[in-house]
Amino acid sequence: MNIHAYIWTIALLLWCGVCLTSPTTFAQKKGTKEKLPPKPTESAITRPQYIISVTHGGRPLGNITIEIFNDLAPLHAANFDSLVAIKFYDGTAFHRVIPGFMIQGGDPNSRPDRNKPKMFWGMGEPGQRTVPAEFSQTLKHEPGIISAARTADPNSATSQFFICHGAAPHLDGQYSIFGRVISGMEVVNMIAGVPCEPGGDGAVSSPIEKVEMKIVKK
């Protein structure tokens, strides 16, 4: 082999070696930093959704779709989900309606099978499971927010809840927010506008015709 052929053979072998070098190895030889794929971001928390079907005096008003904050109020979320699962809310009423403030419901006394007079709606039933407070310092009681009703005891929430029709900043940090309306605020508006009469608390807040709900999980 002459000297020119030998030089060309060596050059060819060196060129092939470069071609067969992995990109990472080649980059390391060149002193450059290897580009790594971006780290996978944490997947978003899935919040369960529910549909509240509403009737007024037996006539359909429409549906309210809500999501529950299982990440921010896990105890209230679990309690609500367990009650929906046993169809606890089906047949209960929005028994307290105050336009510009809130609509409240979920008392077992308002179920048809309890056959309790309206004056007892909202008083709750002895022995209901209570949920410890999960007050938030960041969530605000704004239109569409769902919060747990309670007595003077902060840890007395059971099945009753209210949906804010207007802003209620005086409740912030005092009541446990555990969800929000994601569609159907027009139905909330219709409930807030039904004719009412004095209720058990003496205020004009008890719908004359029953506003009844049924809740299913999506």
C-alpha atoms as a PDB file:
ATOM      1  CA  MET A   1       0.000   0.000   0.000  1.00  0.00           C
ATOM      2  CA  ASN A   2       1.475   3.365  -0.988  1.00  0.00           C
ATOM      3  CA  ILE A   3       1.602   6.260   1.413  1.00  0.00           C
ATOM      4  CA  HIS A   4      -1.377   8.082  -0.144  1.00  0.00           C
ATOM      5  CA  ALA A   5      -3.634   5.042   0.129  1.00  0.00           C
ATOM      6  CA  TYR A   6      -2.562   4.553   3.762  1.00  0.00           C
ATOM      7  CA  ILE A   7      -3.388   8.182   4.665  1.00  0.00           C
ATOM      8  CA  TRP A   8      -6.834   7.917   3.014  1.00  0.00           C
ATOM      9  CA  THR A   9      -7.554   4.668   4.909  1.00  0.00           C
ATOM     10  CA  ILE A  10      -6.687   6.246   8.267  1.00  0.00           C
ATOM     11  CA  ALA A  11      -8.813   9.310   7.464  1.00  0.00           C
ATOM     12  CA  LEU A  12     -11.768   7.107   6.506  1.00  0.00           C
ATOM     13  CA  LEU A  13     -11.535   5.106   9.750  1.00  0.00           C
ATOM     14  CA  LEU A  14     -11.420   8.278  11.819  1.00  0.00           C
ATOM     15  CA  TRP A  15     -14.447   9.707   9.948  1.00  0.00           C
ATOM     16  CA  CYS A  16     -16.455   6.516  10.557  1.00  0.00           C
ATOM     17  CA  GLY A  17     -15.570   6.626  14.231  1.00  0.00           C
ATOM     18  CA  VAL A  18     -17.011  10.125  14.508  1.00  0.00           C
ATOM     19  CA  CYS A  19     -20.195   9.054  12.679  1.00  0.00           C
ATOM     20  CA  LEU A  20     -20.715   6.080  15.009  1.00  0.00           C
ATOM     21  CA  THR A  21     -20.217   8.119  18.173  1.00  0.00           C
ATOM     22  CA  SER A  22     -23.512   8.702  20.056  1.00  0.00           C
ATOM     23  CA  PRO A  23     -24.748  12.335  20.139  1.00  0.00           C
ATOM     24  CA  THR A  24     -24.263  12.473  23.896  1.00  0.00           C
ATOM     25  CA  THR A  25     -20.711  11.136  23.762  1.00  0.00           C
ATOM     26  CA  PHE A  26     -19.835  13.442  20.905  1.00  0.00           C
ATOM     27  CA  ALA A  27     -21.231  16.395  22.764  1.00  0.00           C
ATOM     28  CA  GLN A  28     -19.247  15.468  25.838  1.00  0.00           C
ATOM     29  CA  LYS A  29     -16.075  15.228  23.762  1.00  0.00           C
ATOM     30  CA  LYS A  30     -16.798  18.670  22.347  1.00  0.00           C
ATOM     31  CA  GLY A  31     -17.272  19.993  25.870  1.00  0.00           C
ATOM     32  CA  THR A  32     -20.920  20.984  25.376  1.00  0.00           C
ATOM     33  CA  LYS A  33     -23.695  20.271  27.886  1.00  0.00           C
ATOM     34  CA  GLU A  34     -26.147  17.544  26.973  1.00  0.00           C
ATOM     35  CA  LYS A  35     -29.741  18.747  26.538  1.00  0.00           C
ATOM     36  CA  LEU A  36     -32.040  16.614  28.693  1.00  0.00           C
ATOM     37  CA  PRO A  37     -35.772  16.313  28.066  1.00  0.00           C
ATOM     38  CA  PRO A  38     -37.893  18.525  30.350  1.00  0.00           C
ATOM     39  CA  LYS A  39     -39.015  16.968  33.602  1.00  0.00           C
ATOM     40  CA  PRO A  40     -42.631  15.853  33.511  1.00  0.00           C
ATOM     41  CA  THR A  41     -44.871  18.306  35.303  1.00  0.00           C
ATOM     42  CA  GLU A  42     -47.076  17.126  38.157  1.00  0.00           C
ATOM     43  CA  SER A  43     -50.451  16.113  36.761  1.00  0.00           C
ATOM     44  CA  ALA A  44     -53.361  18.325  37.758  1.00  0.00           C
ATOM     45  CA  ILE A  45     -55.564  17.139  40.586  1.00  0.00           C
ATOM     46  CA  THR A  46     -58.857  15.753  39.340  1.00  0.00           C
ATOM     47  CA  ARG A  47     -61.776  17.313  41.176  1.00  0.00           C
ATOM     48  CA  PRO A  48     -64.982  15.260  41.135  1.00  0.00           C
ATOM     49  CA  GLN A  49     -68.029  16.791  39.483  1.00  0.00           C
ATOM     50  CA  TYR A  50     -71.715  16.397  40.273  1.00  0.00           C
ATOM     51  CA  ILE A  51     -74.986  17.407  38.666  1.00  0.00           C
ATOM     52  CA  ILE A  52     -77.759  18.911  40.792  1.00  0.00           C
ATOM     53  CA  SER A  53     -81.101  18.553  39.010  1.00  0.00           C
ATOM     54  CA  VAL A  54     -83.632  21.047  40.365  1.00  0.00           C
ATOM     55  CA  THR A  55     -87.429  21.238  40.263  1.00  0.00           C
ATOM     56  CA  HIS A  56     -89.735  23.948  41.593  1.00  0.00           C
ATOM     57  CA  GLY A  57     -93.196  22.790  42.535  1.00  0.00           C
ATOM     58  CA  GLY A  58     -92.509  19.647  40.520  1.00  0.00           C
ATOM     59  CA  ARG A  59     -91.541  21.621  37.388  1.00  0.00           C
ATOM     60  CA  PRO A  60     -87.956  21.267  36.097  1.00  0.00           C
ATOM     61  CA  LEU A  61     -85.784  24.346  36.575  1.00  0.00           C
ATOM     62  CA  GLY A  62     -82.574  22.899  35.119  1.00  0.00           C
ATOM     63  CA  ASN A  63     -79.207  21.515  36.180  1.00  0.00           C
ATOM     64  CA  ILE A  64     -76.351  22.933  38.207  1.00  0.00           C
ATOM     65  CA  THR A  65     -72.948  21.341  37.597  1.00  0.00           C
ATOM     66  CA  ILE A  66     -70.521  21.640  40.483  1.00  0.00           C
ATOM     67  CA  GLU A  67     -66.996  20.537  41.302  1.00  0.00           C
ATOM     68  CA  ILE A  68     -65.852  19.621  44.782  1.00  0.00           C
ATOM     69  CA  PHE A  69     -62.493  20.742  46.200  1.00  0.00           C
ATOM     70  CA  ASN A  70     -61.184  17.355  47.319  1.00  0.00           C
ATOM     71  CA  ASP A  71     -57.706  18.913  47.387  1.00  0.00           C
ATOM     72  CA  LEU A  72     -58.622  21.897  49.565  1.00  0.00           C
ATOM     73  CA  ALA A  73     -61.364  20.477  51.806  1.00  0.00           C
ATOM     74  CA  PRO A  74     -60.883  16.687  51.694  1.00  0.00           C
ATOM     75  CA  LEU A  75     -63.068  15.904  54.729  1.00  0.00           C
ATOM     76  CA  HIS A  76     -66.065  17.839  53.416  1.00  0.00           C
ATOM     77  CA  ALA A  77     -65.489  16.454  49.914  1.00  0.00           C
ATOM     78  CA  ALA A  78     -65.497  12.878  51.214  1.00  0.00           C
ATOM     79  CA  ASN A  79     -68.621  13.507  53.300  1.00  0.00           C
ATOM     80  CA  PHE A  80     -70.487  15.023  50.345  1.00  0.00           C
ATOM     81  CA  ASP A  81     -69.437  12.210  48.015  1.00  0.00           C
ATOM     82  CA  SER A  82     -70.556   9.531  50.479  1.00  0.00           C
ATOM     83  CA  LEU A  83     -73.979  11.171  50.835  1.00  0.00           C
ATOM     84  CA  VAL A  84     -74.428  11.448  47.080  1.00  0.00           C
ATOM     85  CA  ALA A  85     -73.489   7.768  46.729  1.00  0.00           C
ATOM     86  CA  ILE A  86     -76.393   6.680  48.966  1.00  0.00           C
ATOM     87  CA  LYS A  87     -78.808   9.144  47.265  1.00  0.00           C
ATOM     88  CA  PHE A  88     -79.170  11.047  50.538  1.00  0.00           C
ATOM     89  CA  TYR A  89     -79.838  14.371  48.817  1.00  0.00           C
ATOM     90  CA  ASP A  90     -82.488  13.101  46.421  1.00  0.00           C
ATOM     91  CA  GLY A  91     -85.770  14.727  47.427  1.00  0.00           C
ATOM     92  CA  THR A  92     -84.223  17.280  49.794  1.00  0.00           C
ATOM     93  CA  ALA A  93     -85.043  20.945  49.350  1.00  0.00           C
ATOM     94  CA  PHE A  94     -83.364  24.277  48.987  1.00  0.00           C
ATOM     95  CA  HIS A  95     -85.330  25.332  52.038  1.00  0.00           C
ATOM     96  CA  ARG A  96     -83.707  28.718  52.675  1.00  0.00           C
ATOM     97  CA  VAL A  97     -83.416  31.287  49.902  1.00  0.00           C
ATOM     98  CA  ILE A  98     -82.056  34.819  50.347  1.00  0.00           C
ATOM     99  CA  PRO A  99     -81.523  36.696  47.043  1.00  0.00           C
ATOM    100  CA  GLY A 100     -78.130  38.345  46.787  1.00  0.00           C
ATOM    101  CA  PHE A 101     -76.787  36.146  49.565  1.00  0.00           C
ATOM    102  CA  MET A 102     -77.244  32.373  49.197  1.00  0.00           C
ATOM    103  CA  ILE A 103     -79.504  29.355  48.691  1.00  0.00           C
ATOM    104  CA  GLN A 104     -79.276  26.609  51.340  1.00  0.00           C
ATOM    105  CA  GLY A 105     -80.381  22.975  51.238  1.00  0.00           C
ATOM    106  CA  GLY A 106     -79.584  19.362  52.015  1.00  0.00           C
ATOM    107  CA  ASP A 107     -81.515  18.869  55.256  1.00  0.00           C
ATOM    108  CA  PRO A 108     -82.953  15.341  55.646  1.00  0.00           C
ATOM    109  CA  ASN A 109     -86.060  16.814  57.305  1.00  0.00           C
ATOM    110  CA  SER A 110     -87.077  18.127  53.876  1.00  0.00           C
ATOM    111  CA  ARG A 111     -87.124  14.663  52.290  1.00  0.00           C
ATOM    112  CA  PRO A 112     -90.602  13.391  51.364  1.00  0.00           C
ATOM    113  CA  ASP A 113     -90.043  10.150  53.287  1.00  0.00           C
ATOM    114  CA  ARG A 114     -89.477  12.103  56.534  1.00  0.00           C
ATOM    115  CA  ASN A 115     -92.860  13.842  56.235  1.00  0.00           C
ATOM    116  CA  LYS A 116     -91.729  16.723  58.448  1.00  0.00           C
ATOM    117  CA  PRO A 117     -93.520  20.125  58.390  1.00  0.00           C
ATOM    118  CA  LYS A 118     -91.595  22.937  56.728  1.00  0.00           C
ATOM    119  CA  MET A 119     -90.964  24.602  60.066  1.00  0.00           C
ATOM    120  CA  PHE A 120     -88.489  21.785  60.830  1.00  0.00           C
ATOM    121  CA  TRP A 121     -86.606  22.056  57.535  1.00  0.00           C
ATOM    122  CA  GLY A 122     -83.095  23.233  58.253  1.00  0.00           C
ATOM    123  CA  MET A 123     -82.912  21.916  61.808  1.00  0.00           C
ATOM    124  CA  GLY A 124     -81.098  18.742  60.872  1.00  0.00           C
ATOM    125  CA  GLU A 125     -81.451  15.275  62.343  1.00  0.00           C
ATOM    126  CA  PRO A 126     -79.923  13.986  65.587  1.00  0.00           C
ATOM    127  CA  GLY A 127     -77.047  11.615  65.046  1.00  0.00           C
ATOM    128  CA  GLN A 128     -75.886  13.006  61.700  1.00  0.00           C
ATOM    129  CA  ARG A 129     -72.158  12.649  61.137  1.00  0.00           C
ATOM    130  CA  THR A 130     -70.342  15.940  61.692  1.00  0.00           C
ATOM    131  CA  VAL A 131     -67.335  17.192  59.755  1.00  0.00           C
ATOM    132  CA  PRO A 132     -64.458  19.146  61.349  1.00  0.00           C
ATOM    133  CA  ALA A 133     -63.975  22.674  60.047  1.00  0.00           C
ATOM    134  CA  GLU A 134     -61.701  23.203  57.056  1.00  0.00           C
ATOM    135  CA  PHE A 135     -61.590  26.982  56.971  1.00  0.00           C
ATOM    136  CA  SER A 136     -59.594  28.544  54.156  1.00  0.00           C
ATOM    137  CA  GLN A 137     -57.632  31.760  54.402  1.00  0.00           C
ATOM    138  CA  THR A 138     -57.477  32.154  50.624  1.00  0.00           C
ATOM    139  CA  LEU A 139     -60.844  30.997  49.244  1.00  0.00           C
ATOM    140  CA  LYS A 140     -63.575  33.635  49.248  1.00  0.00           C
ATOM    141  CA  HIS A 141     -67.360  33.395  49.462  1.00  0.00           C
ATOM    142  CA  GLU A 142     -68.205  34.657  45.993  1.00  0.00           C
ATOM    143  CA  PRO A 143     -71.140  33.903  43.646  1.00  0.00           C
ATOM    144  CA  GLY A 144     -71.154  30.183  42.828  1.00  0.00           C
ATOM    145  CA  ILE A 145     -69.063  29.119  45.821  1.00  0.00           C
ATOM    146  CA  ILE A 146     -70.346  26.103  47.784  1.00  0.00           C
ATOM    147  CA  SER A 147     -69.859  26.138  51.539  1.00  0.00           C
ATOM    148  CA  ALA A 148     -70.945  23.978  54.468  1.00  0.00           C
ATOM    149  CA  ALA A 149     -73.774  25.165  56.696  1.00  0.00           C
ATOM    150  CA  ARG A 150     -73.229  24.779  60.445  1.00  0.00           C
ATOM    151  CA  THR A 151     -74.401  25.882  63.869  1.00  0.00           C
ATOM    152  CA  ALA A 152     -72.406  28.123  66.215  1.00  0.00           C
ATOM    153  CA  ASP A 153     -70.010  25.202  66.646  1.00  0.00           C
ATOM    154  CA  PRO A 154     -67.364  25.446  63.883  1.00  0.00           C
ATOM    155  CA  ASN A 155     -67.136  21.642  63.747  1.00  0.00           C
ATOM    156  CA  SER A 156     -70.873  20.980  63.392  1.00  0.00           C
ATOM    157  CA  ALA A 157     -71.274  20.754  59.600  1.00  0.00           C
ATOM    158  CA  THR A 158     -73.309  17.737  58.447  1.00  0.00           C
ATOM    159  CA  SER A 159     -75.189  17.417  55.156  1.00  0.00           C
ATOM    160  CA  GLN A 160     -76.454  20.956  54.643  1.00  0.00           C
ATOM    161  CA  PHE A 161     -74.675  23.292  52.258  1.00  0.00           C
ATOM    162  CA  PHE A 162     -75.273  26.625  50.604  1.00  0.00           C
ATOM    163  CA  ILE A 163     -74.444  28.098  47.226  1.00  0.00           C
ATOM    164  CA  CYS A 164     -73.507  31.772  47.280  1.00  0.00           C
ATOM    165  CA  HIS A 165     -75.777  33.937  45.139  1.00  0.00           C
ATOM    166  CA  GLY A 166     -73.774  37.050  45.966  1.00  0.00           C
ATOM    167  CA  ALA A 167     -70.500  37.889  47.664  1.00  0.00           C
ATOM    168  CA  ALA A 168     -70.430  37.178  51.407  1.00  0.00           C
ATOM    169  CA  PRO A 169     -67.022  38.307  52.686  1.00  0.00           C
ATOM    170  CA  HIS A 170     -68.220  38.172  56.313  1.00  0.00           C
ATOM    171  CA  LEU A 171     -68.240  34.360  55.980  1.00  0.00           C
ATOM    172  CA  ASP A 172     -64.643  34.116  54.752  1.00  0.00           C
ATOM    173  CA  GLY A 173     -62.505  32.048  57.104  1.00  0.00           C
ATOM    174  CA  GLN A 174     -65.597  31.222  59.172  1.00  0.00           C
ATOM    175  CA  TYR A 175     -67.334  28.607  57.020  1.00  0.00           C
ATOM    176  CA  SER A 176     -65.812  25.679  55.132  1.00  0.00           C
ATOM    177  CA  ILE A 177     -65.750  26.248  51.382  1.00  0.00           C
ATOM    178  CA  PHE A 178     -65.640  22.896  49.589  1.00  0.00           C
ATOM    179  CA  GLY A 179     -66.725  23.460  45.989  1.00  0.00           C
ATOM    180  CA  ARG A 180     -68.029  25.756  43.290  1.00  0.00           C
ATOM    181  CA  VAL A 181     -70.558  25.939  40.473  1.00  0.00           C
ATOM    182  CA  ILE A 182     -68.967  25.424  37.059  1.00  0.00           C
ATOM    183  CA  SER A 183     -72.186  25.730  35.031  1.00  0.00           C
ATOM    184  CA  GLY A 184     -75.820  26.469  35.754  1.00  0.00           C
ATOM    185  CA  MET A 185     -75.602  29.768  37.656  1.00  0.00           C
ATOM    186  CA  GLU A 186     -78.752  30.750  35.769  1.00  0.00           C
ATOM    187  CA  VAL A 187     -80.531  28.002  37.720  1.00  0.00           C
ATOM    188  CA  VAL A 188     -79.111  29.382  40.973  1.00  0.00           C
ATOM    189  CA  ASN A 189     -80.498  32.776  39.930  1.00  0.00           C
ATOM    190  CA  MET A 190     -83.924  31.246  39.300  1.00  0.00           C
ATOM    191  CA  ILE A 191     -83.925  29.584  42.714  1.00  0.00           C
ATOM    192  CA  ALA A 192     -82.946  32.888  44.320  1.00  0.00           C
ATOM    193  CA  GLY A 193     -85.964  34.483  42.646  1.00  0.00           C
ATOM    194  CA  VAL A 194     -88.731  32.061  43.695  1.00  0.00           C
ATOM    195  CA  PRO A 195     -91.564  33.471  45.866  1.00  0.00           C
ATOM    196  CA  CYS A 196     -90.912  32.882  49.552  1.00  0.00           C
ATOM    197  CA  GLU A 197     -92.702  33.115  52.895  1.00  0.00           C
ATOM    198  CA  PRO A 198     -91.446  33.277  56.478  1.00  0.00           C
ATOM    199  CA  GLY A 199     -89.475  30.178  57.439  1.00  0.00           C
ATOM    200  CA  GLY A 200     -88.468  28.571  60.715  1.00  0.00           C
ATOM    201  CA  ASP A 201     -86.155  31.485  61.487  1.00  0.00           C
ATOM    202  CA  GLY A 202     -88.953  34.010  60.929  1.00  0.00           C
ATOM    203  CA  ALA A 203     -87.255  35.503  57.850  1.00  0.00           C
ATOM    204  CA  VAL A 204     -88.976  35.530  54.468  1.00  0.00           C
ATOM    205  CA  SER A 205     -86.740  32.829  53.048  1.00  0.00           C
ATOM    206  CA  SER A 206     -88.807  29.642  52.712  1.00  0.00           C
ATOM    207  CA  PRO A 207     -89.941  28.919  49.121  1.00  0.00           C
ATOM    208  CA  ILE A 208     -93.732  28.681  48.940  1.00  0.00           C
ATOM    209  CA  GLU A 209     -93.427  25.810  46.484  1.00  0.00           C
ATOM    210  CA  LYS A 210     -90.757  23.240  47.224  1.00  0.00           C
ATOM    211  CA  VAL A 211     -87.464  23.644  45.395  1.00  0.00           C
ATOM    212  CA  GLU A 212     -86.279  20.049  45.264  1.00  0.00           C
ATOM    213  CA  MET A 213     -82.924  18.596  44.273  1.00  0.00           C
ATOM    214  CA  LYS A 214     -81.424  15.358  43.045  1.00  0.00           C
ATOM    215  CA  ILE A 215     -77.655  14.925  42.904  1.00  0.00           C
ATOM    216  CA  VAL A 216     -75.648  12.445  40.829  1.00  0.00           C
ATOM    217  CA  LYS A 217     -71.911  12.119  40.283  1.00  0.00           C
ATOM    218  CA  LYS A 218     -70.647  12.688  36.740  1.00  0.00           C
END
